[in-house]
């Protein structure tokens, strides 16, 4: 099988490529990444040069490049490429529209032209908006509340339209919050861990009681693997870990693992339109494709913390550059 993995130098994309190289060494992977701030080739340094793996620097919104790549007889597109941080979308939504909406449309058009066998759109639970009780199913209405989630919802609707209008075999996956190695340190878990190691405050939005469901990134990659092989065109599959935690609860767990005091938490002004709770009903992917999470939350969280403890050069080089400036702008001025 020949895969085009877009955004493969990012957090989830890089972990997915590692998963495929381990589980399907005969699959051929072309990794297309623009290498924006969150794309880091260090995430895949040990895979470079291996047979069956190819890296291409480029933009999914570049029609000529996409046409050239897909003319090489690729079978499946797995679209991770996206601007993904809510805070950044609040500051400036335009990059989110360019990549998440226009880029997805360019990929879809290329997939249609070149007869791609399956198009996997990696989306997010945030497209559903917030829910007080119960869980969202794949049939729930989309109600995004941030420019980021609105751009992802728009991309999902384009995938649906290309399936309905052109018969393009698109599959949409919507996953809860991921955690694990190689996650860019603006996200909550690596931010909390690395700030603690640097003896810096951990910013906590509002009252810290916003609830998220957490999934170890390897479980997400396992789910995508199953979707590639058995997912039905036109279907949507929710993917979750079944680990709902408030932000306060999660940060306290991290501080216990790091043996640091809760005084490191610093409550800051809340994010505009901050969704209170996300929750997904993932019974469809379990019933239809036989997937379920394999990793214990506590063990996976401990392994994740251990990874950051052992890989300070990786995150240190990131935080000393652009991220350091961004951190000051977003948190210390609140």
C-alpha atoms as a PDB file:
ATOM      1  CA  UNK A   1       0.000   0.000   0.000  1.00  0.00           C
ATOM      2  CA  UNK A   2       1.224   3.502  -0.845  1.00  0.00           C
ATOM      3  CA  UNK A   3       0.244   6.270   1.562  1.00  0.00           C
ATOM      4  CA  UNK A   4       0.439  10.039   1.351  1.00  0.00           C
ATOM      5  CA  UNK A   5       0.605  11.271   4.945  1.00  0.00           C
ATOM      6  CA  UNK A   6       0.158  15.034   5.142  1.00  0.00           C
ATOM      7  CA  UNK A   7       1.437  16.828   8.216  1.00  0.00           C
ATOM      8  CA  UNK A   8       3.554  13.821   9.060  1.00  0.00           C
ATOM      9  CA  UNK A   9       6.230  15.853  10.846  1.00  0.00           C
ATOM     10  CA  UNK A  10       3.738  17.006  13.457  1.00  0.00           C
ATOM     11  CA  UNK A  11       2.838  15.301  16.720  1.00  0.00           C
ATOM     12  CA  UNK A  12       0.147  12.812  15.703  1.00  0.00           C
ATOM     13  CA  UNK A  13       1.396  12.449  12.134  1.00  0.00           C
ATOM     14  CA  UNK A  14       4.905  11.511  13.246  1.00  0.00           C
ATOM     15  CA  UNK A  15       3.580   8.988  15.757  1.00  0.00           C
ATOM     16  CA  UNK A  16       1.360   7.538  13.020  1.00  0.00           C
ATOM     17  CA  UNK A  17       4.302   7.141  10.645  1.00  0.00           C
ATOM     18  CA  UNK A  18       6.245   5.389  13.398  1.00  0.00           C
ATOM     19  CA  UNK A  19       3.273   3.089  13.983  1.00  0.00           C
ATOM     20  CA  UNK A  20       2.990   2.208  10.294  1.00  0.00           C
ATOM     21  CA  UNK A  21       6.729   1.573   9.949  1.00  0.00           C
ATOM     22  CA  UNK A  22       6.496  -0.872  12.865  1.00  0.00           C
ATOM     23  CA  UNK A  23       3.241  -2.633  11.988  1.00  0.00           C
ATOM     24  CA  UNK A  24       3.365  -2.495   8.161  1.00  0.00           C
ATOM     25  CA  UNK A  25       7.003  -2.317   7.042  1.00  0.00           C
ATOM     26  CA  UNK A  26       5.924  -3.153   3.480  1.00  0.00           C
ATOM     27  CA  UNK A  27       3.755  -0.025   3.207  1.00  0.00           C
ATOM     28  CA  UNK A  28       5.290   2.903   1.325  1.00  0.00           C
ATOM     29  CA  UNK A  29       4.929   6.316   2.969  1.00  0.00           C
ATOM     30  CA  UNK A  30       5.306   9.760   1.419  1.00  0.00           C
ATOM     31  CA  UNK A  31       5.324  12.385   4.160  1.00  0.00           C
ATOM     32  CA  UNK A  32       4.280  15.852   2.965  1.00  0.00           C
ATOM     33  CA  UNK A  33       4.803  18.615   5.509  1.00  0.00           C
ATOM     34  CA  UNK A  34       5.104  22.377   5.229  1.00  0.00           C
ATOM     35  CA  UNK A  35       7.352  22.450   8.332  1.00  0.00           C
ATOM     36  CA  UNK A  36       5.599  25.322  10.049  1.00  0.00           C
ATOM     37  CA  UNK A  37       6.316  25.973  13.739  1.00  0.00           C
ATOM     38  CA  UNK A  38       4.857  22.608  14.867  1.00  0.00           C
ATOM     39  CA  UNK A  39       6.378  20.486  12.094  1.00  0.00           C
ATOM     40  CA  UNK A  40       9.695  19.072  13.260  1.00  0.00           C
ATOM     41  CA  UNK A  41      11.821  16.601  11.312  1.00  0.00           C
ATOM     42  CA  UNK A  42      13.558  15.672  14.565  1.00  0.00           C
ATOM     43  CA  UNK A  43      10.357  13.736  15.305  1.00  0.00           C
ATOM     44  CA  UNK A  44      11.345  11.285  12.554  1.00  0.00           C
ATOM     45  CA  UNK A  45      15.123  11.607  12.441  1.00  0.00           C
ATOM     46  CA  UNK A  46      15.774   7.888  12.958  1.00  0.00           C
ATOM     47  CA  UNK A  47      13.407   6.986  10.090  1.00  0.00           C
ATOM     48  CA  UNK A  48      15.058   9.203   7.473  1.00  0.00           C
ATOM     49  CA  UNK A  49      16.684   7.248   4.696  1.00  0.00           C
ATOM     50  CA  UNK A  50      14.803   4.029   5.373  1.00  0.00           C
ATOM     51  CA  UNK A  51      13.441   2.215   2.297  1.00  0.00           C
ATOM     52  CA  UNK A  52       9.764   2.956   1.769  1.00  0.00           C
ATOM     53  CA  UNK A  53       9.834   6.361   3.491  1.00  0.00           C
ATOM     54  CA  UNK A  54      10.041   9.632   1.567  1.00  0.00           C
ATOM     55  CA  UNK A  55       9.814  13.201   2.848  1.00  0.00           C
ATOM     56  CA  UNK A  56       8.589  16.101   0.726  1.00  0.00           C
ATOM     57  CA  UNK A  57       8.546  19.678   2.016  1.00  0.00           C
ATOM     58  CA  UNK A  58       5.452  21.424   0.721  1.00  0.00           C
ATOM     59  CA  UNK A  59       2.002  22.857   1.270  1.00  0.00           C
ATOM     60  CA  UNK A  60      -1.233  20.873   0.866  1.00  0.00           C
ATOM     61  CA  UNK A  61      -2.739  24.019  -0.692  1.00  0.00           C
ATOM     62  CA  UNK A  62      -0.184  23.850  -3.549  1.00  0.00           C
ATOM     63  CA  UNK A  63      -2.255  22.383  -6.398  1.00  0.00           C
ATOM     64  CA  UNK A  64       0.693  21.710  -8.695  1.00  0.00           C
ATOM     65  CA  UNK A  65       2.635  19.856  -6.012  1.00  0.00           C
ATOM     66  CA  UNK A  66      -0.378  17.764  -4.977  1.00  0.00           C
ATOM     67  CA  UNK A  67      -1.037  16.850  -8.598  1.00  0.00           C
ATOM     68  CA  UNK A  68       2.594  15.769  -9.042  1.00  0.00           C
ATOM     69  CA  UNK A  69       2.591  13.639  -5.899  1.00  0.00           C
ATOM     70  CA  UNK A  70      -0.720  11.925  -6.602  1.00  0.00           C
ATOM     71  CA  UNK A  71       0.277  11.162 -10.184  1.00  0.00           C
ATOM     72  CA  UNK A  72       2.806   8.692  -8.740  1.00  0.00           C
ATOM     73  CA  UNK A  73       0.150   6.071  -8.080  1.00  0.00           C
ATOM     74  CA  UNK A  74      -0.576   6.571  -4.381  1.00  0.00           C
ATOM     75  CA  UNK A  75      -3.434   4.600  -2.835  1.00  0.00           C
ATOM     76  CA  UNK A  76      -4.480   6.352   0.388  1.00  0.00           C
ATOM     77  CA  UNK A  77      -4.319   9.904   1.729  1.00  0.00           C
ATOM     78  CA  UNK A  78      -4.233  10.417   5.504  1.00  0.00           C
ATOM     79  CA  UNK A  79      -4.700  14.136   6.098  1.00  0.00           C
ATOM     80  CA  UNK A  80      -3.194  15.296   9.396  1.00  0.00           C
ATOM     81  CA  UNK A  81      -2.017  18.633   8.001  1.00  0.00           C
ATOM     82  CA  UNK A  82      -3.729  21.390   9.947  1.00  0.00           C
ATOM     83  CA  UNK A  83      -3.270  24.483  12.011  1.00  0.00           C
ATOM     84  CA  UNK A  84      -4.538  23.125  15.305  1.00  0.00           C
ATOM     85  CA  UNK A  85      -4.071  25.433  18.289  1.00  0.00           C
ATOM     86  CA  UNK A  86      -7.203  27.249  19.408  1.00  0.00           C
ATOM     87  CA  UNK A  87      -5.343  30.197  20.943  1.00  0.00           C
ATOM     88  CA  UNK A  88      -3.533  30.866  17.689  1.00  0.00           C
ATOM     89  CA  UNK A  89      -6.821  30.753  15.772  1.00  0.00           C
ATOM     90  CA  UNK A  90      -8.197  33.413  18.108  1.00  0.00           C
ATOM     91  CA  UNK A  91      -5.212  35.659  17.395  1.00  0.00           C
ATOM     92  CA  UNK A  92      -5.434  35.155  13.605  1.00  0.00           C
ATOM     93  CA  UNK A  93      -7.826  32.773  11.867  1.00  0.00           C
ATOM     94  CA  UNK A  94      -6.488  33.263   8.342  1.00  0.00           C
ATOM     95  CA  UNK A  95      -3.821  30.497   8.409  1.00  0.00           C
ATOM     96  CA  UNK A  96      -6.500  28.090   9.636  1.00  0.00           C
ATOM     97  CA  UNK A  97      -8.740  28.859   6.665  1.00  0.00           C
ATOM     98  CA  UNK A  98      -5.829  28.570   4.229  1.00  0.00           C
ATOM     99  CA  UNK A  99      -4.576  25.199   5.467  1.00  0.00           C
ATOM    100  CA  UNK A 100      -7.565  23.495   7.058  1.00  0.00           C
ATOM    101  CA  UNK A 101     -10.183  24.493   4.483  1.00  0.00           C
ATOM    102  CA  UNK A 102      -8.444  25.401   1.231  1.00  0.00           C
ATOM    103  CA  UNK A 103      -5.727  22.783   1.723  1.00  0.00           C
ATOM    104  CA  UNK A 104      -8.255  20.032   2.315  1.00  0.00           C
ATOM    105  CA  UNK A 105     -10.184  21.052  -0.814  1.00  0.00           C
ATOM    106  CA  UNK A 106      -7.006  20.906  -2.902  1.00  0.00           C
ATOM    107  CA  UNK A 107      -6.295  17.403  -1.564  1.00  0.00           C
ATOM    108  CA  UNK A 108      -9.857  16.285  -2.282  1.00  0.00           C
ATOM    109  CA  UNK A 109      -9.714  17.590  -5.823  1.00  0.00           C
ATOM    110  CA  UNK A 110      -6.407  15.828  -6.391  1.00  0.00           C
ATOM    111  CA  UNK A 111      -7.766  12.613  -4.897  1.00  0.00           C
ATOM    112  CA  UNK A 112     -10.748  12.768  -7.239  1.00  0.00           C
ATOM    113  CA  UNK A 113      -8.567  13.375 -10.282  1.00  0.00           C
ATOM    114  CA  UNK A 114      -6.142  10.553  -9.543  1.00  0.00           C
ATOM    115  CA  UNK A 115      -8.563   7.910  -8.281  1.00  0.00           C
ATOM    116  CA  UNK A 116      -7.346   7.660  -4.689  1.00  0.00           C
ATOM    117  CA  UNK A 117      -8.762   4.513  -3.069  1.00  0.00           C
ATOM    118  CA  UNK A 118      -9.429   6.082   0.339  1.00  0.00           C
ATOM    119  CA  UNK A 119      -9.180   9.602   1.802  1.00  0.00           C
ATOM    120  CA  UNK A 120      -8.891   9.736   5.603  1.00  0.00           C
ATOM    121  CA  UNK A 121      -9.726  13.144   7.058  1.00  0.00           C
ATOM    122  CA  UNK A 122      -8.284  13.346  10.575  1.00  0.00           C
ATOM    123  CA  UNK A 123     -10.634  15.692  12.397  1.00  0.00           C
ATOM    124  CA  UNK A 124     -11.448  16.588  16.001  1.00  0.00           C
ATOM    125  CA  UNK A 125     -14.177  16.280  18.626  1.00  0.00           C
ATOM    126  CA  UNK A 126     -14.162  20.075  18.825  1.00  0.00           C
ATOM    127  CA  UNK A 127     -16.352  20.334  15.710  1.00  0.00           C
ATOM    128  CA  UNK A 128     -19.320  19.221  17.843  1.00  0.00           C
ATOM    129  CA  UNK A 129     -18.906  22.043  20.341  1.00  0.00           C
ATOM    130  CA  UNK A 130     -19.520  21.656  24.066  1.00  0.00           C
ATOM    131  CA  UNK A 131     -21.887  19.208  25.785  1.00  0.00           C
ATOM    132  CA  UNK A 132     -23.053  19.310  29.419  1.00  0.00           C
ATOM    133  CA  UNK A 133     -24.276  15.729  29.719  1.00  0.00           C
ATOM    134  CA  UNK A 134     -24.056  12.590  27.614  1.00  0.00           C
ATOM    135  CA  UNK A 135     -21.823  12.140  24.572  1.00  0.00           C
ATOM    136  CA  UNK A 136     -21.756  13.196  20.943  1.00  0.00           C
ATOM    137  CA  UNK A 137     -22.396  10.531  18.318  1.00  0.00           C
ATOM    138  CA  UNK A 138     -21.359  10.695  14.693  1.00  0.00           C
ATOM    139  CA  UNK A 139     -24.871  11.915  13.884  1.00  0.00           C
ATOM    140  CA  UNK A 140     -24.718  14.899  16.263  1.00  0.00           C
ATOM    141  CA  UNK A 141     -24.945  18.381  14.788  1.00  0.00           C
ATOM    142  CA  UNK A 142     -21.746  20.337  14.247  1.00  0.00           C
ATOM    143  CA  UNK A 143     -21.534  23.407  16.465  1.00  0.00           C
ATOM    144  CA  UNK A 144     -17.930  24.680  16.505  1.00  0.00           C
ATOM    145  CA  UNK A 145     -17.135  27.567  18.840  1.00  0.00           C
ATOM    146  CA  UNK A 146     -13.608  28.618  17.828  1.00  0.00           C
ATOM    147  CA  UNK A 147     -12.107  29.619  14.478  1.00  0.00           C
ATOM    148  CA  UNK A 148      -9.994  26.457  14.652  1.00  0.00           C
ATOM    149  CA  UNK A 149     -12.907  24.083  15.158  1.00  0.00           C
ATOM    150  CA  UNK A 150     -14.967  25.981  12.570  1.00  0.00           C
ATOM    151  CA  UNK A 151     -12.216  25.441   9.995  1.00  0.00           C
ATOM    152  CA  UNK A 152     -12.092  21.722  10.799  1.00  0.00           C
ATOM    153  CA  UNK A 153     -15.874  21.458  10.551  1.00  0.00           C
ATOM    154  CA  UNK A 154     -15.733  23.152   7.157  1.00  0.00           C
ATOM    155  CA  UNK A 155     -13.133  20.617   5.997  1.00  0.00           C
ATOM    156  CA  UNK A 156     -15.318  17.750   7.245  1.00  0.00           C
ATOM    157  CA  UNK A 157     -18.264  19.094   5.274  1.00  0.00           C
ATOM    158  CA  UNK A 158     -16.143  19.320   2.146  1.00  0.00           C
ATOM    159  CA  UNK A 159     -15.200  15.651   2.591  1.00  0.00           C
ATOM    160  CA  UNK A 160     -18.870  14.746   2.941  1.00  0.00           C
ATOM    161  CA  UNK A 161     -19.705  16.781  -0.168  1.00  0.00           C
ATOM    162  CA  UNK A 162     -17.012  15.106  -2.267  1.00  0.00           C
ATOM    163  CA  UNK A 163     -18.312  11.705  -1.186  1.00  0.00           C
ATOM    164  CA  UNK A 164     -21.928  12.593  -1.963  1.00  0.00           C
ATOM    165  CA  UNK A 165     -21.269  14.528  -5.178  1.00  0.00           C
ATOM    166  CA  UNK A 166     -18.325  12.690  -6.707  1.00  0.00           C
ATOM    167  CA  UNK A 167     -18.348   9.321  -4.948  1.00  0.00           C
ATOM    168  CA  UNK A 168     -14.867  10.003  -3.552  1.00  0.00           C
ATOM    169  CA  UNK A 169     -14.200   7.381  -0.824  1.00  0.00           C
ATOM    170  CA  UNK A 170     -13.724   9.756   2.088  1.00  0.00           C
ATOM    171  CA  UNK A 171     -13.725   8.696   5.731  1.00  0.00           C
ATOM    172  CA  UNK A 172     -13.782  11.207   8.600  1.00  0.00           C
ATOM    173  CA  UNK A 173     -12.342  10.457  12.037  1.00  0.00           C
ATOM    174  CA  UNK A 174     -12.971  12.687  15.035  1.00  0.00           C
ATOM    175  CA  UNK A 175     -10.687  12.143  17.984  1.00  0.00           C
ATOM    176  CA  UNK A 176     -10.498  13.457  21.524  1.00  0.00           C
ATOM    177  CA  UNK A 177      -7.421  15.090  23.095  1.00  0.00           C
ATOM    178  CA  UNK A 178      -4.203  13.221  22.317  1.00  0.00           C
ATOM    179  CA  UNK A 179      -1.106  13.012  24.488  1.00  0.00           C
ATOM    180  CA  UNK A 180       2.254  11.302  24.154  1.00  0.00           C
ATOM    181  CA  UNK A 181       5.819  11.805  22.845  1.00  0.00           C
ATOM    182  CA  UNK A 182       6.728  14.591  20.416  1.00  0.00           C
ATOM    183  CA  UNK A 183       3.749  16.826  21.263  1.00  0.00           C
ATOM    184  CA  UNK A 184       4.481  20.499  20.676  1.00  0.00           C
ATOM    185  CA  UNK A 185       4.893  22.233  24.063  1.00  0.00           C
ATOM    186  CA  UNK A 186       2.080  24.727  23.661  1.00  0.00           C
ATOM    187  CA  UNK A 187      -0.406  21.914  24.395  1.00  0.00           C
ATOM    188  CA  UNK A 188      -1.514  21.332  27.976  1.00  0.00           C
ATOM    189  CA  UNK A 189       0.381  18.193  29.023  1.00  0.00           C
ATOM    190  CA  UNK A 190       3.814  19.009  27.535  1.00  0.00           C
ATOM    191  CA  UNK A 191       3.386  22.640  28.610  1.00  0.00           C
ATOM    192  CA  UNK A 192       2.696  21.612  32.201  1.00  0.00           C
ATOM    193  CA  UNK A 193       5.550  19.101  32.267  1.00  0.00           C
ATOM    194  CA  UNK A 194       8.186  21.298  30.666  1.00  0.00           C
ATOM    195  CA  UNK A 195       7.214  24.420  32.610  1.00  0.00           C
ATOM    196  CA  UNK A 196       7.498  22.409  35.804  1.00  0.00           C
ATOM    197  CA  UNK A 197      10.959  21.216  34.812  1.00  0.00           C
ATOM    198  CA  UNK A 198      11.912  24.838  34.106  1.00  0.00           C
ATOM    199  CA  UNK A 199      10.382  26.011  37.402  1.00  0.00           C
ATOM    200  CA  UNK A 200       7.901  28.186  35.526  1.00  0.00           C
ATOM    201  CA  UNK A 201       4.191  28.612  36.334  1.00  0.00           C
ATOM    202  CA  UNK A 202       1.622  26.332  34.713  1.00  0.00           C
ATOM    203  CA  UNK A 203      -1.147  28.517  33.239  1.00  0.00           C
ATOM    204  CA  UNK A 204      -4.672  27.310  34.051  1.00  0.00           C
ATOM    205  CA  UNK A 205      -7.551  28.854  32.134  1.00  0.00           C
ATOM    206  CA  UNK A 206     -10.511  30.158  34.163  1.00  0.00           C
ATOM    207  CA  UNK A 207     -11.472  27.857  37.035  1.00  0.00           C
ATOM    208  CA  UNK A 208      -9.680  24.850  35.535  1.00  0.00           C
ATOM    209  CA  UNK A 209     -12.845  22.742  35.484  1.00  0.00           C
ATOM    210  CA  UNK A 210     -13.128  22.342  31.706  1.00  0.00           C
ATOM    211  CA  UNK A 211     -13.392  18.632  30.906  1.00  0.00           C
ATOM    212  CA  UNK A 212     -11.588  16.775  28.135  1.00  0.00           C
ATOM    213  CA  UNK A 213     -11.380  13.103  27.208  1.00  0.00           C
ATOM    214  CA  UNK A 214      -7.761  11.982  26.799  1.00  0.00           C
ATOM    215  CA  UNK A 215      -6.340   9.291  24.529  1.00  0.00           C
ATOM    216  CA  UNK A 216      -2.767   8.042  24.230  1.00  0.00           C
ATOM    217  CA  UNK A 217      -1.536   8.921  20.736  1.00  0.00           C
ATOM    218  CA  UNK A 218      -0.594   5.302  19.974  1.00  0.00           C
ATOM    219  CA  UNK A 219      -4.222   4.260  20.486  1.00  0.00           C
ATOM    220  CA  UNK A 220      -5.292   6.949  18.035  1.00  0.00           C
ATOM    221  CA  UNK A 221      -2.754   5.647  15.511  1.00  0.00           C
ATOM    222  CA  UNK A 222      -4.073   2.107  15.985  1.00  0.00           C
ATOM    223  CA  UNK A 223      -7.584   3.364  15.264  1.00  0.00           C
ATOM    224  CA  UNK A 224      -6.490   5.113  12.074  1.00  0.00           C
ATOM    225  CA  UNK A 225      -4.726   1.936  10.961  1.00  0.00           C
ATOM    226  CA  UNK A 226      -8.000   0.028  11.325  1.00  0.00           C
ATOM    227  CA  UNK A 227      -9.929   2.770   9.509  1.00  0.00           C
ATOM    228  CA  UNK A 228      -7.526   2.610   6.560  1.00  0.00           C
ATOM    229  CA  UNK A 229      -8.018  -1.123   6.256  1.00  0.00           C
ATOM    230  CA  UNK A 230     -11.689  -1.549   7.147  1.00  0.00           C
ATOM    231  CA  UNK A 231     -13.369   1.871   7.381  1.00  0.00           C
ATOM    232  CA  UNK A 232     -16.387   2.349   5.121  1.00  0.00           C
ATOM    233  CA  UNK A 233     -16.375   5.272   2.646  1.00  0.00           C
ATOM    234  CA  UNK A 234     -18.782   8.011   3.660  1.00  0.00           C
ATOM    235  CA  UNK A 235     -18.624   7.021   7.333  1.00  0.00           C
ATOM    236  CA  UNK A 236     -17.564   9.074  10.334  1.00  0.00           C
ATOM    237  CA  UNK A 237     -15.831   7.379  13.255  1.00  0.00           C
ATOM    238  CA  UNK A 238     -15.473   8.930  16.706  1.00  0.00           C
ATOM    239  CA  UNK A 239     -12.273   7.929  18.505  1.00  0.00           C
ATOM    240  CA  UNK A 240     -11.843   8.443  22.245  1.00  0.00           C
ATOM    241  CA  UNK A 241      -9.963   7.134  25.221  1.00  0.00           C
ATOM    242  CA  UNK A 242     -12.752   7.104  27.809  1.00  0.00           C
ATOM    243  CA  UNK A 243     -10.641   9.211  30.182  1.00  0.00           C
ATOM    244  CA  UNK A 244     -12.560  12.366  31.088  1.00  0.00           C
ATOM    245  CA  UNK A 245     -10.555  14.717  33.307  1.00  0.00           C
ATOM    246  CA  UNK A 246     -10.879  18.332  34.339  1.00  0.00           C
ATOM    247  CA  UNK A 247      -7.827  20.389  33.535  1.00  0.00           C
ATOM    248  CA  UNK A 248      -7.186  20.771  37.261  1.00  0.00           C
ATOM    249  CA  UNK A 249      -7.380  17.026  37.824  1.00  0.00           C
ATOM    250  CA  UNK A 250      -4.967  16.381  34.972  1.00  0.00           C
ATOM    251  CA  UNK A 251      -2.433  18.981  36.102  1.00  0.00           C
ATOM    252  CA  UNK A 252      -2.535  17.656  39.655  1.00  0.00           C
ATOM    253  CA  UNK A 253      -1.778  14.155  38.362  1.00  0.00           C
ATOM    254  CA  UNK A 254       1.203  15.540  36.489  1.00  0.00           C
ATOM    255  CA  UNK A 255       2.479  17.405  39.549  1.00  0.00           C
ATOM    256  CA  UNK A 256       2.240  14.222  41.610  1.00  0.00           C
ATOM    257  CA  UNK A 257       4.263  12.334  38.992  1.00  0.00           C
ATOM    258  CA  UNK A 258       6.840  15.131  38.947  1.00  0.00           C
ATOM    259  CA  UNK A 259       6.807  15.461  42.768  1.00  0.00           C
ATOM    260  CA  UNK A 260       6.160  19.191  42.564  1.00  0.00           C
ATOM    261  CA  UNK A 261       3.767  21.455  44.509  1.00  0.00           C
ATOM    262  CA  UNK A 262       0.396  22.691  43.298  1.00  0.00           C
ATOM    263  CA  UNK A 263       1.623  26.230  43.890  1.00  0.00           C
ATOM    264  CA  UNK A 264       3.119  26.073  40.389  1.00  0.00           C
ATOM    265  CA  UNK A 265      -0.404  26.424  38.967  1.00  0.00           C
ATOM    266  CA  UNK A 266      -1.230  29.976  37.893  1.00  0.00           C
ATOM    267  CA  UNK A 267      -4.863  30.779  37.109  1.00  0.00           C
ATOM    268  CA  UNK A 268      -5.176  33.095  34.112  1.00  0.00           C
ATOM    269  CA  UNK A 269      -8.032  34.742  32.244  1.00  0.00           C
ATOM    270  CA  UNK A 270     -10.237  32.278  30.418  1.00  0.00           C
ATOM    271  CA  UNK A 271     -10.092  31.691  26.675  1.00  0.00           C
ATOM    272  CA  UNK A 272     -12.972  33.335  24.733  1.00  0.00           C
ATOM    273  CA  UNK A 273     -15.814  30.866  24.039  1.00  0.00           C
ATOM    274  CA  UNK A 274     -13.945  28.154  25.946  1.00  0.00           C
ATOM    275  CA  UNK A 275     -15.828  24.866  25.512  1.00  0.00           C
ATOM    276  CA  UNK A 276     -16.720  23.389  28.888  1.00  0.00           C
ATOM    277  CA  UNK A 277     -16.828  19.690  28.109  1.00  0.00           C
ATOM    278  CA  UNK A 278     -16.120  17.318  25.218  1.00  0.00           C
ATOM    279  CA  UNK A 279     -17.323  13.715  25.224  1.00  0.00           C
ATOM    280  CA  UNK A 280     -17.673  11.181  22.416  1.00  0.00           C
ATOM    281  CA  UNK A 281     -19.686   8.013  21.971  1.00  0.00           C
ATOM    282  CA  UNK A 282     -17.181   5.686  20.282  1.00  0.00           C
ATOM    283  CA  UNK A 283     -19.391   2.617  20.025  1.00  0.00           C
ATOM    284  CA  UNK A 284     -19.479   2.722  16.193  1.00  0.00           C
ATOM    285  CA  UNK A 285     -15.754   2.124  15.651  1.00  0.00           C
ATOM    286  CA  UNK A 286     -15.805  -0.625  18.276  1.00  0.00           C
ATOM    287  CA  UNK A 287     -18.860  -2.376  16.860  1.00  0.00           C
ATOM    288  CA  UNK A 288     -18.013  -1.993  13.161  1.00  0.00           C
ATOM    289  CA  UNK A 289     -14.204  -2.159  13.098  1.00  0.00           C
ATOM    290  CA  UNK A 290     -13.333  -3.906  16.366  1.00  0.00           C
ATOM    291  CA  UNK A 291     -11.111  -1.135  17.748  1.00  0.00           C
ATOM    292  CA  UNK A 292     -10.881  -0.111  21.392  1.00  0.00           C
ATOM    293  CA  UNK A 293      -8.175   1.623  23.446  1.00  0.00           C
ATOM    294  CA  UNK A 294      -5.365  -0.656  24.564  1.00  0.00           C
ATOM    295  CA  UNK A 295      -3.400   1.615  26.895  1.00  0.00           C
ATOM    296  CA  UNK A 296      -4.146   2.457  30.525  1.00  0.00           C
ATOM    297  CA  UNK A 297      -4.403   6.219  31.014  1.00  0.00           C
ATOM    298  CA  UNK A 298      -2.219   6.301  34.125  1.00  0.00           C
ATOM    299  CA  UNK A 299       0.517   4.119  32.603  1.00  0.00           C
ATOM    300  CA  UNK A 300       0.487   6.082  29.349  1.00  0.00           C
ATOM    301  CA  UNK A 301       0.625   9.388  31.229  1.00  0.00           C
ATOM    302  CA  UNK A 302       3.562   8.134  33.286  1.00  0.00           C
ATOM    303  CA  UNK A 303       5.360   6.995  30.130  1.00  0.00           C
ATOM    304  CA  UNK A 304       4.704  10.384  28.520  1.00  0.00           C
ATOM    305  CA  UNK A 305       6.141  12.293  31.473  1.00  0.00           C
ATOM    306  CA  UNK A 306       9.151   9.984  31.432  1.00  0.00           C
ATOM    307  CA  UNK A 307       9.676  10.704  27.724  1.00  0.00           C
ATOM    308  CA  UNK A 308       9.821  14.463  28.344  1.00  0.00           C
ATOM    309  CA  UNK A 309      12.181  13.946  31.270  1.00  0.00           C
ATOM    310  CA  UNK A 310      14.545  12.024  28.987  1.00  0.00           C
ATOM    311  CA  UNK A 311      14.236  14.311  25.959  1.00  0.00           C
ATOM    312  CA  UNK A 312      14.970  17.791  27.232  1.00  0.00           C
ATOM    313  CA  UNK A 313      17.127  18.637  24.172  1.00  0.00           C
ATOM    314  CA  UNK A 314      14.061  18.065  21.949  1.00  0.00           C
ATOM    315  CA  UNK A 315      11.641  20.341  23.800  1.00  0.00           C
ATOM    316  CA  UNK A 316      14.294  22.718  25.095  1.00  0.00           C
ATOM    317  CA  UNK A 317      15.320  23.748  21.593  1.00  0.00           C
ATOM    318  CA  UNK A 318      11.677  24.409  20.732  1.00  0.00           C
ATOM    319  CA  UNK A 319      10.892  26.487  23.806  1.00  0.00           C
ATOM    320  CA  UNK A 320      14.054  28.560  23.496  1.00  0.00           C
ATOM    321  CA  UNK A 321      12.967  29.829  20.085  1.00  0.00           C
ATOM    322  CA  UNK A 322       9.642  30.924  18.630  1.00  0.00           C
ATOM    323  CA  UNK A 323       7.638  29.125  21.272  1.00  0.00           C
ATOM    324  CA  UNK A 324       9.264  31.114  24.061  1.00  0.00           C
ATOM    325  CA  UNK A 325       8.088  34.353  22.448  1.00  0.00           C
ATOM    326  CA  UNK A 326       4.619  32.940  21.855  1.00  0.00           C
ATOM    327  CA  UNK A 327       4.342  31.739  25.450  1.00  0.00           C
ATOM    328  CA  UNK A 328       5.059  35.202  26.783  1.00  0.00           C
ATOM    329  CA  UNK A 329       2.496  36.783  24.469  1.00  0.00           C
ATOM    330  CA  UNK A 330      -0.268  34.304  25.286  1.00  0.00           C
ATOM    331  CA  UNK A 331       0.150  33.702  28.997  1.00  0.00           C
ATOM    332  CA  UNK A 332       2.421  36.069  30.862  1.00  0.00           C
ATOM    333  CA  UNK A 333       0.513  39.177  29.709  1.00  0.00           C
ATOM    334  CA  UNK A 334      -2.832  37.864  30.977  1.00  0.00           C
END
